[in-house]
Amino acid sequence: MTESPPRLAADPIAEAHRQWVEHGWADAADGMAAITSLMRAHQIALSRVEAVLRPFEVTFARYEVLMLLFLSRRRSLPMRTIGSRLQVHQTSVTNAVDRLEAAGLVARTPHPTDRRATLVELTPVGADVAERATAALNAGVFADPGLSPSSVASLVAVLRRMRRDAGDF
């Protein structure tokens, strides 16, 4: 397991905010601090998630594909649908599916009615990995994301508004 970097004595984002104000960018300082904080929080959360997923030999991007298939009615979806639902470029879907297929977690099959489409189907081994990885993530990250339940609810609401206003949904 990789070591965590040493804790800093002071908050570097607060210092950056102070510098923004000092340099005459006060009108953008709060937004800079918000976006920079969000990006750092993303790094922290992703690091926690990736550490839990490492024993399963899947990245978070591949885990998302597994879970999308796991939660689908037929445990299979067209490649195009996976990209659309995960909001990622088709190249990213292809890369993730290639690696999952090489690991025996998914299989590509021809679409029964559309010759241009390929289905990605969850294998029994992939379903097992999805279930075990989810149990580990629930226990190790999701049940305790490092915030109080009311803070979690507030954060989700704020981020939902931000995503909605950006056209995410």
Protein backbone atom coordinates (compact mmCIF):
# COMPACT_ATOMS: atom_id res chain seq x y z
CA MET A 1 0.00 0.00 0.00
CA THR A 2 1.29 3.47 -0.82
CA GLU A 3 2.11 5.85 1.98
CA SER A 4 0.06 8.96 2.49
CA PRO A 5 1.94 12.21 2.02
CA PRO A 6 2.72 14.03 5.26
CA ARG A 7 0.02 16.35 6.53
CA LEU A 8 0.61 20.01 5.80
CA ALA A 9 0.78 22.49 8.66
CA ALA A 10 -1.72 24.82 6.97
CA ASP A 11 -4.43 24.60 4.31
CA PRO A 12 -2.80 25.41 0.95
CA ILE A 13 -6.17 26.30 -0.58
CA ALA A 14 -6.81 28.88 2.14
CA GLU A 15 -3.35 30.30 1.40
CA ALA A 16 -4.11 30.37 -2.33
CA HIS A 17 -7.38 32.19 -1.53
CA ARG A 18 -5.45 34.77 0.50
CA GLN A 19 -2.99 35.20 -2.39
CA TRP A 20 -5.85 35.59 -4.92
CA VAL A 21 -7.32 38.40 -2.84
CA GLU A 22 -3.90 40.01 -2.34
CA HIS A 23 -3.25 39.96 -6.10
CA GLY A 24 -6.51 41.73 -6.87
CA TRP A 25 -8.58 38.71 -7.88
CA ALA A 26 -10.98 38.84 -4.91
CA ASP A 27 -14.00 38.46 -7.20
CA ALA A 28 -12.71 35.01 -8.27
CA ALA A 29 -11.07 33.92 -5.00
CA ASP A 30 -14.08 32.08 -3.56
CA GLY A 31 -14.74 30.25 -6.82
CA MET A 32 -11.07 29.30 -7.12
CA ALA A 33 -11.14 27.93 -3.57
CA ALA A 34 -14.37 26.02 -4.23
CA ILE A 35 -13.16 24.41 -7.47
CA THR A 36 -9.69 23.66 -6.12
CA SER A 37 -11.23 22.15 -2.96
CA LEU A 38 -13.57 20.05 -5.09
CA MET A 39 -10.68 18.79 -7.21
CA ARG A 40 -8.59 17.92 -4.14
CA ALA A 41 -11.57 16.17 -2.52
CA HIS A 42 -11.96 14.17 -5.75
CA GLN A 43 -8.32 13.07 -5.51
CA ILE A 44 -8.80 12.01 -1.88
CA ALA A 45 -12.02 10.10 -2.59
CA LEU A 46 -10.62 8.41 -5.70
CA SER A 47 -7.51 7.35 -3.79
CA ARG A 48 -9.67 5.72 -1.11
CA VAL A 49 -11.84 3.97 -3.70
CA GLU A 50 -8.87 2.75 -5.76
CA ALA A 51 -7.18 1.35 -2.63
CA VAL A 52 -10.28 -0.70 -1.83
CA LEU A 53 -10.62 -1.90 -5.44
CA ARG A 54 -6.93 -2.81 -5.87
CA PRO A 55 -7.32 -6.39 -4.51
CA PHE A 56 -10.06 -6.98 -7.10
CA GLU A 57 -7.71 -5.83 -9.87
CA VAL A 58 -10.17 -3.28 -11.24
CA THR A 59 -10.00 0.48 -11.43
CA PHE A 60 -12.97 2.65 -10.53
CA ALA A 61 -13.71 3.18 -14.24
CA ARG A 62 -13.87 -0.59 -14.79
CA TYR A 63 -15.88 -1.06 -11.60
CA GLU A 64 -18.44 1.42 -12.95
CA VAL A 65 -18.83 -0.68 -16.10
CA LEU A 66 -19.20 -3.86 -14.04
CA MET A 67 -21.86 -2.27 -11.84
CA LEU A 68 -23.77 -0.80 -14.77
CA LEU A 69 -23.98 -4.31 -16.22
CA PHE A 70 -24.68 -5.89 -12.82
CA LEU A 71 -27.62 -3.56 -12.22
CA SER A 72 -29.07 -3.89 -15.73
CA ARG A 73 -32.02 -6.28 -16.18
CA ARG A 74 -30.23 -8.64 -18.56
CA ARG A 75 -26.72 -8.02 -17.22
CA SER A 76 -25.76 -6.91 -20.71
CA LEU A 77 -25.82 -3.60 -22.58
CA PRO A 78 -24.72 -2.25 -25.94
CA MET A 79 -21.30 -0.56 -25.89
CA ARG A 80 -22.91 2.71 -26.98
CA THR A 81 -25.35 2.62 -24.03
CA ILE A 82 -22.51 2.08 -21.55
CA GLY A 83 -20.76 5.22 -22.79
CA SER A 84 -23.96 7.23 -22.68
CA ARG A 85 -24.95 6.14 -19.17
CA LEU A 86 -21.46 6.63 -17.75
CA GLN A 87 -21.05 9.89 -19.69
CA VAL A 88 -17.67 8.90 -21.08
CA HIS A 89 -16.18 8.81 -24.56
CA GLN A 90 -16.57 5.60 -26.51
CA THR A 91 -12.79 5.14 -26.53
CA SER A 92 -12.84 4.96 -22.73
CA VAL A 93 -15.61 2.35 -22.84
CA THR A 94 -13.66 0.29 -25.36
CA ASN A 95 -10.53 0.44 -23.21
CA ALA A 96 -12.40 -0.58 -20.05
CA VAL A 97 -14.25 -3.39 -21.81
CA ASP A 98 -11.02 -4.65 -23.40
CA ARG A 99 -9.42 -4.97 -19.97
CA LEU A 100 -12.50 -6.45 -18.33
CA GLU A 101 -12.81 -8.96 -21.16
CA ALA A 102 -9.13 -9.94 -20.86
CA ALA A 103 -9.76 -10.59 -17.15
CA GLY A 104 -12.79 -12.76 -17.94
CA LEU A 105 -15.22 -10.38 -16.23
CA VAL A 106 -17.25 -9.49 -19.34
CA ALA A 107 -17.76 -10.93 -22.80
CA ARG A 108 -18.62 -9.22 -26.07
CA THR A 109 -21.50 -10.75 -28.02
CA PRO A 110 -23.24 -9.72 -31.24
CA HIS A 111 -26.42 -7.72 -30.76
CA PRO A 112 -29.39 -9.93 -31.70
CA THR A 113 -31.19 -7.28 -33.77
CA ASP A 114 -28.58 -4.66 -34.70
CA ARG A 115 -25.61 -5.95 -36.68
CA ARG A 116 -23.73 -2.69 -36.08
CA ALA A 117 -23.92 -3.01 -32.29
CA THR A 118 -21.99 -5.14 -29.83
CA LEU A 119 -23.36 -6.20 -26.48
CA VAL A 120 -21.17 -6.37 -23.40
CA GLU A 121 -22.31 -9.14 -21.09
CA LEU A 122 -21.33 -9.65 -17.47
CA THR A 123 -19.83 -13.09 -16.86
CA PRO A 124 -20.51 -15.05 -13.65
CA VAL A 125 -16.95 -14.23 -12.54
CA GLY A 126 -17.61 -10.54 -13.28
CA ALA A 127 -20.84 -10.63 -11.25
CA ASP A 128 -18.93 -12.16 -8.34
CA VAL A 129 -16.24 -9.46 -8.52
CA ALA A 130 -18.92 -6.76 -8.76
CA GLU A 131 -20.67 -8.06 -5.64
CA ARG A 132 -17.50 -8.50 -3.58
CA ALA A 133 -16.03 -5.14 -4.67
CA THR A 134 -19.31 -3.39 -3.82
CA ALA A 135 -19.36 -4.98 -0.37
CA ALA A 136 -15.78 -3.79 0.18
CA LEU A 137 -16.55 -0.26 -1.07
CA ASN A 138 -19.71 -0.06 1.04
CA ALA A 139 -17.78 -1.09 4.15
CA GLY A 140 -14.55 0.79 3.46
CA VAL A 141 -15.68 4.02 1.81
CA PHE A 142 -19.37 4.60 1.14
CA ALA A 143 -20.71 3.88 4.64
CA ASP A 144 -18.24 6.38 6.08
CA PRO A 145 -17.18 8.95 3.49
CA GLY A 146 -15.57 11.09 6.19
CA LEU A 147 -18.49 13.48 6.69
CA SER A 148 -21.51 13.54 8.98
CA PRO A 149 -24.79 12.29 7.47
CA SER A 150 -26.15 15.86 7.30
CA SER A 151 -22.94 17.06 5.59
CA VAL A 152 -23.22 14.20 3.09
CA ALA A 153 -26.81 15.20 2.30
CA SER A 154 -25.79 18.86 1.91
CA LEU A 155 -22.84 17.96 -0.31
CA VAL A 156 -24.95 15.75 -2.55
CA ALA A 157 -27.55 18.53 -2.89
CA VAL A 158 -24.93 21.17 -3.75
CA LEU A 159 -23.19 18.93 -6.26
CA ARG A 160 -26.52 17.90 -7.82
CA ARG A 161 -27.34 21.58 -8.39
CA MET A 162 -23.88 22.19 -9.84
CA ARG A 163 -24.20 19.18 -12.16
CA ARG A 164 -27.74 20.13 -13.20
CA ASP A 165 -26.79 23.74 -13.88
CA ALA A 166 -23.84 22.53 -15.99
CA GLY A 167 -26.23 20.48 -18.14
CA ASP A 168 -25.19 17.11 -16.72
CA PHE A 169 -28.85 16.06 -16.61
